[in-house]
Amino acid sequence: MTNPFAIANRFRGFLPVVVDVETGGFNCKTDALLEIAAVLVESHEDGTLTRGQTIRHHVKPFKGSNLEPASLAVNGIDPDHPLRIALDEKEALQSIFQEVRRAIRDAGCSRAILVGHNSSFDLGFLNEAIGRTEIKRNPFHPFSSFDTATLCGIAYGQTVLARAVQATGMPWDESKAHSAAYDAEVTADVFCDVVNKFQPIYEMASRK
């Protein structure tokens, strides 16, 4: 029997995947993509969601890209650090996309949809990197996304990620903030918490 609460039935066939990027500035067309993390979301028999696997890569700045000192001061990234193991944009994205496509197949979904805190920022940098690298098999929807800043504003009355995390009762570690992996993981936890809060409403709607 088909589970009516399976994730493939929950979001119009889309699989939510949480993405966070760390960059050399705010302009996705000119500024470097320096770090990217994707967190998979797992669905359970009762329809609740939990955070799954994290895939993370440091990324080499693309040729001619801009690096704003103010942005590097915030995220603490030194692109030239000798111990920084970074991949070219194309290699980093292909690695992440391979895992995302596998998750889509396993969940019986048709495509991934990006989840992010102020998701237009992350989606913009992702789409620009895809265009630069000429990757043809993009598993993500090119313009739709789930924005946890909006969801948290509705669920908790908070739009800042740190305050939203604290509103859920989960811990926030400021020393780990502005790492793509940490920010993506806590965003995934918040997203799952919001979705799970609305689970009873979804169950009632699905019975109609």
Protein backbone atom coordinates (compact mmCIF):
# COMPACT_ATOMS: atom_id res chain seq x y z
CA MET A 1 0.00 0.00 0.00
CA THR A 2 1.29 3.44 -0.92
CA ASN A 3 2.17 5.62 2.03
CA PRO A 4 0.13 8.85 1.65
CA PHE A 5 2.72 10.67 3.76
CA ALA A 6 5.71 9.63 1.64
CA ILE A 7 7.87 12.59 0.71
CA ALA A 8 7.17 11.95 -2.99
CA ASN A 9 3.52 12.83 -2.28
CA ARG A 10 4.23 15.76 0.01
CA PHE A 11 5.79 18.49 -2.13
CA ARG A 12 4.33 17.90 -5.61
CA GLY A 13 6.97 15.26 -6.31
CA PHE A 14 9.88 17.51 -5.32
CA LEU A 15 12.55 16.41 -2.85
CA PRO A 16 13.61 19.21 -0.48
CA VAL A 17 17.40 19.54 -0.30
CA VAL A 18 18.91 22.19 1.96
CA VAL A 19 21.73 24.20 0.37
CA ASP A 20 24.04 26.81 1.83
CA VAL A 21 26.85 28.64 0.06
CA GLU A 22 29.71 30.77 1.32
CA THR A 23 30.89 33.33 -1.19
CA GLY A 24 33.27 36.16 -1.93
CA GLY A 25 30.46 38.72 -2.00
CA PHE A 26 26.78 39.26 -2.72
CA ASN A 27 26.82 39.39 -6.52
CA CYS A 28 26.27 35.89 -7.89
CA LYS A 29 27.43 36.92 -11.37
CA THR A 30 30.83 38.32 -10.36
CA ASP A 31 31.70 37.04 -6.88
CA ALA A 32 33.36 33.72 -6.14
CA LEU A 33 31.57 30.63 -4.87
CA LEU A 34 33.92 29.42 -2.11
CA GLU A 35 32.03 26.72 -0.24
CA ILE A 36 28.84 24.73 -0.80
CA ALA A 37 26.98 22.24 1.35
CA ALA A 38 23.85 20.23 0.63
CA VAL A 39 21.87 18.42 3.32
CA LEU A 40 19.43 15.67 2.36
CA VAL A 41 16.10 15.35 4.13
CA GLU A 42 14.74 11.98 5.24
CA SER A 43 11.06 11.10 5.52
CA HIS A 44 9.55 8.61 7.97
CA GLU A 45 6.44 6.44 7.81
CA ASP A 46 4.39 8.98 9.76
CA GLY A 47 5.36 11.79 7.39
CA THR A 48 7.77 13.53 9.74
CA LEU A 49 11.09 14.75 8.40
CA THR A 50 14.60 14.64 9.85
CA ARG A 51 18.01 15.81 8.67
CA GLY A 52 20.02 13.29 6.67
CA GLN A 53 23.39 13.20 4.93
CA THR A 54 25.55 16.30 4.46
CA ILE A 55 27.71 16.74 1.35
CA ARG A 56 30.18 19.62 1.56
CA HIS A 57 32.99 20.96 -0.60
CA HIS A 58 35.41 23.87 -0.55
CA VAL A 59 35.41 25.46 -4.00
CA LYS A 60 38.19 27.16 -5.95
CA PRO A 61 37.28 30.69 -7.05
CA PHE A 62 36.46 30.75 -10.74
CA LYS A 63 38.85 32.61 -13.02
CA GLY A 64 38.39 36.37 -12.80
CA SER A 65 36.00 36.17 -9.85
CA ASN A 66 35.71 38.94 -7.28
CA LEU A 67 36.61 38.47 -3.60
CA GLU A 68 35.31 41.12 -1.24
CA PRO A 69 37.47 41.48 1.90
CA ALA A 70 34.37 42.20 4.01
CA SER A 71 32.75 38.91 2.97
CA LEU A 72 35.93 36.93 3.66
CA ALA A 73 36.14 38.54 7.10
CA VAL A 74 32.63 37.29 7.89
CA ASN A 75 33.00 33.71 6.67
CA GLY A 76 36.64 33.37 7.69
CA ILE A 77 37.67 31.74 4.41
CA ASP A 78 41.21 32.17 3.09
CA PRO A 79 41.03 30.97 -0.54
CA ASP A 80 44.83 30.74 -0.71
CA HIS A 81 45.39 28.79 2.49
CA PRO A 82 47.83 25.94 1.72
CA LEU A 83 45.77 23.42 3.71
CA ARG A 84 42.47 24.33 2.07
CA ILE A 85 41.49 21.36 -0.09
CA ALA A 86 39.18 22.82 -2.72
CA LEU A 87 37.61 21.49 -5.90
CA ASP A 88 36.88 23.24 -9.16
CA GLU A 89 33.27 24.41 -9.37
CA LYS A 90 32.26 21.73 -11.86
CA GLU A 91 33.76 18.89 -9.83
CA ALA A 92 32.17 20.14 -6.61
CA LEU A 93 28.73 20.51 -8.17
CA GLN A 94 28.88 17.14 -9.95
CA SER A 95 29.75 15.45 -6.65
CA ILE A 96 26.78 17.02 -4.90
CA PHE A 97 24.42 16.47 -7.82
CA GLN A 98 25.29 12.77 -7.94
CA GLU A 99 24.14 12.32 -4.34
CA VAL A 100 21.05 14.47 -4.88
CA ARG A 101 20.01 12.46 -7.93
CA ARG A 102 20.43 9.24 -5.96
CA ALA A 103 18.24 10.64 -3.18
CA ILE A 104 15.60 11.68 -5.72
CA ARG A 105 15.49 8.15 -7.12
CA ASP A 106 15.37 6.52 -3.69
CA ALA A 107 12.50 8.77 -2.61
CA GLY A 108 10.53 8.29 -5.82
CA CYS A 109 10.59 12.04 -6.49
CA SER A 110 10.85 13.80 -9.84
CA ARG A 111 13.26 16.60 -8.96
CA ALA A 112 14.94 18.39 -6.06
CA ILE A 113 13.85 21.77 -4.75
CA LEU A 114 16.34 23.99 -2.95
CA VAL A 115 15.67 24.88 0.67
CA GLY A 116 17.68 27.79 2.04
CA HIS A 117 17.63 30.61 4.53
CA ASN A 118 17.03 33.55 2.19
CA SER A 119 17.00 30.92 -0.51
CA SER A 120 17.17 33.29 -3.49
CA PHE A 121 20.78 34.05 -2.53
CA ASP A 122 21.86 30.39 -2.55
CA LEU A 123 19.82 29.55 -5.65
CA GLY A 124 21.30 32.51 -7.51
CA PHE A 125 24.89 31.42 -6.83
CA LEU A 126 24.03 27.79 -7.63
CA ASN A 127 22.44 28.68 -10.97
CA GLU A 128 25.32 30.96 -11.96
CA ALA A 129 27.86 28.22 -11.18
CA ILE A 130 25.81 25.73 -13.22
CA GLY A 131 25.83 28.15 -16.14
CA ARG A 132 29.59 28.77 -15.91
CA THR A 133 30.40 25.07 -15.76
CA GLU A 134 27.83 24.13 -18.44
CA ILE A 135 26.43 21.28 -16.37
CA LYS A 136 23.46 19.86 -18.26
CA ARG A 137 21.86 17.61 -15.64
CA ASN A 138 20.79 19.99 -12.91
CA PRO A 139 18.61 18.05 -10.43
CA PHE A 140 17.24 21.25 -8.83
CA HIS A 141 14.23 23.25 -9.93
CA PRO A 142 15.76 26.30 -11.62
CA PHE A 143 13.63 29.02 -9.97
CA SER A 144 11.37 27.58 -7.25
CA SER A 145 12.65 27.22 -3.69
CA PHE A 146 11.56 26.98 -0.05
CA ASP A 147 12.76 29.95 1.99
CA THR A 148 13.18 29.16 5.68
CA ALA A 149 13.40 32.87 6.54
CA THR A 150 9.76 33.13 5.47
CA LEU A 151 8.76 29.84 7.08
CA CYS A 152 10.43 30.81 10.36
CA GLY A 153 8.73 34.18 10.31
CA ILE A 154 5.39 32.37 10.17
CA ALA A 155 6.20 29.57 12.61
CA TYR A 156 8.33 31.37 15.21
CA GLY A 157 8.07 35.09 14.53
CA GLN A 158 11.81 35.10 13.76
CA THR A 159 13.55 35.57 10.42
CA VAL A 160 17.21 35.61 11.54
CA LEU A 161 18.56 32.05 11.43
CA ALA A 162 20.23 32.14 14.86
CA ARG A 163 17.08 33.43 16.54
CA ALA A 164 14.89 30.96 14.69
CA VAL A 165 17.07 28.05 15.80
CA GLN A 166 16.92 29.27 19.39
CA ALA A 167 13.13 29.66 19.12
CA THR A 168 12.85 25.94 18.37
CA GLY A 169 14.78 25.13 21.55
CA MET A 170 17.73 23.77 19.58
CA PRO A 171 21.27 25.01 20.35
CA TRP A 172 23.05 27.63 18.23
CA ASP A 173 26.87 27.71 18.10
CA GLU A 174 28.01 31.13 16.93
CA SER A 175 31.59 29.89 16.54
CA LYS A 176 30.46 27.49 13.78
CA ALA A 177 28.22 29.97 11.95
CA HIS A 178 29.08 31.00 8.38
CA SER A 179 30.37 27.53 7.63
CA ALA A 180 28.31 26.14 4.74
CA ALA A 181 27.95 22.74 6.41
CA TYR A 182 26.89 24.11 9.80
CA ASP A 183 24.47 26.67 8.37
CA ALA A 184 22.93 24.08 6.04
CA GLU A 185 22.53 21.55 8.84
CA VAL A 186 20.82 23.94 11.25
CA THR A 187 18.65 25.23 8.40
CA ALA A 188 17.66 21.62 7.68
CA ASP A 189 16.78 21.11 11.35
CA VAL A 190 14.61 24.24 11.33
CA PHE A 191 12.93 23.28 8.05
CA CYS A 192 12.09 19.81 9.39
CA ASP A 193 10.76 21.30 12.62
CA VAL A 194 8.44 23.66 10.73
CA VAL A 195 7.19 20.91 8.41
CA ASN A 196 6.60 18.58 11.36
CA LYS A 197 4.60 21.26 13.19
CA PHE A 198 2.27 21.47 10.20
CA GLN A 199 1.98 17.68 9.86
CA PRO A 200 -1.47 17.49 11.57
CA ILE A 201 -2.84 20.10 9.13
CA TYR A 202 -1.38 18.17 6.19
CA GLU A 203 -2.96 14.94 7.45
CA MET A 204 -6.40 16.56 7.70
CA ALA A 205 -6.07 18.04 4.20
CA SER A 206 -4.96 14.73 2.72
CA ARG A 207 -8.13 13.02 3.99
CA LYS A 208 -10.41 15.41 2.12
